[in-house]
Amino acid sequence: MSAYVTGGKVTMRTRNGHDWTGRFPNIAAALLKLNVRSAVIDGEAVVLDERGGRASLSCGRTSAFTDPSGR
């Protein structure tokens, strides 16, 4: 996941270029609080299950990482 901060806006993109900003609103909001004019941030997003543990990404069932369009 790469995040782009510029002009008071954040865009978060997958390695395939899909805009997933809306899937991680808390991360996007936190990035807007950075004291920068612009930034490119490379990282990974991890989804926690209902018990606070890391969800398995290999199963493909984690809703934040499953593209509803099937891509």
Foldseek 3Di string as FASTA:
>chain_A
DKWKDAPLFIFDADPVGDTLCVLCVVVRVVVSPDPDRIDIDDDDDFDADPVRHTDDVVVLPDVSPNDPVRD
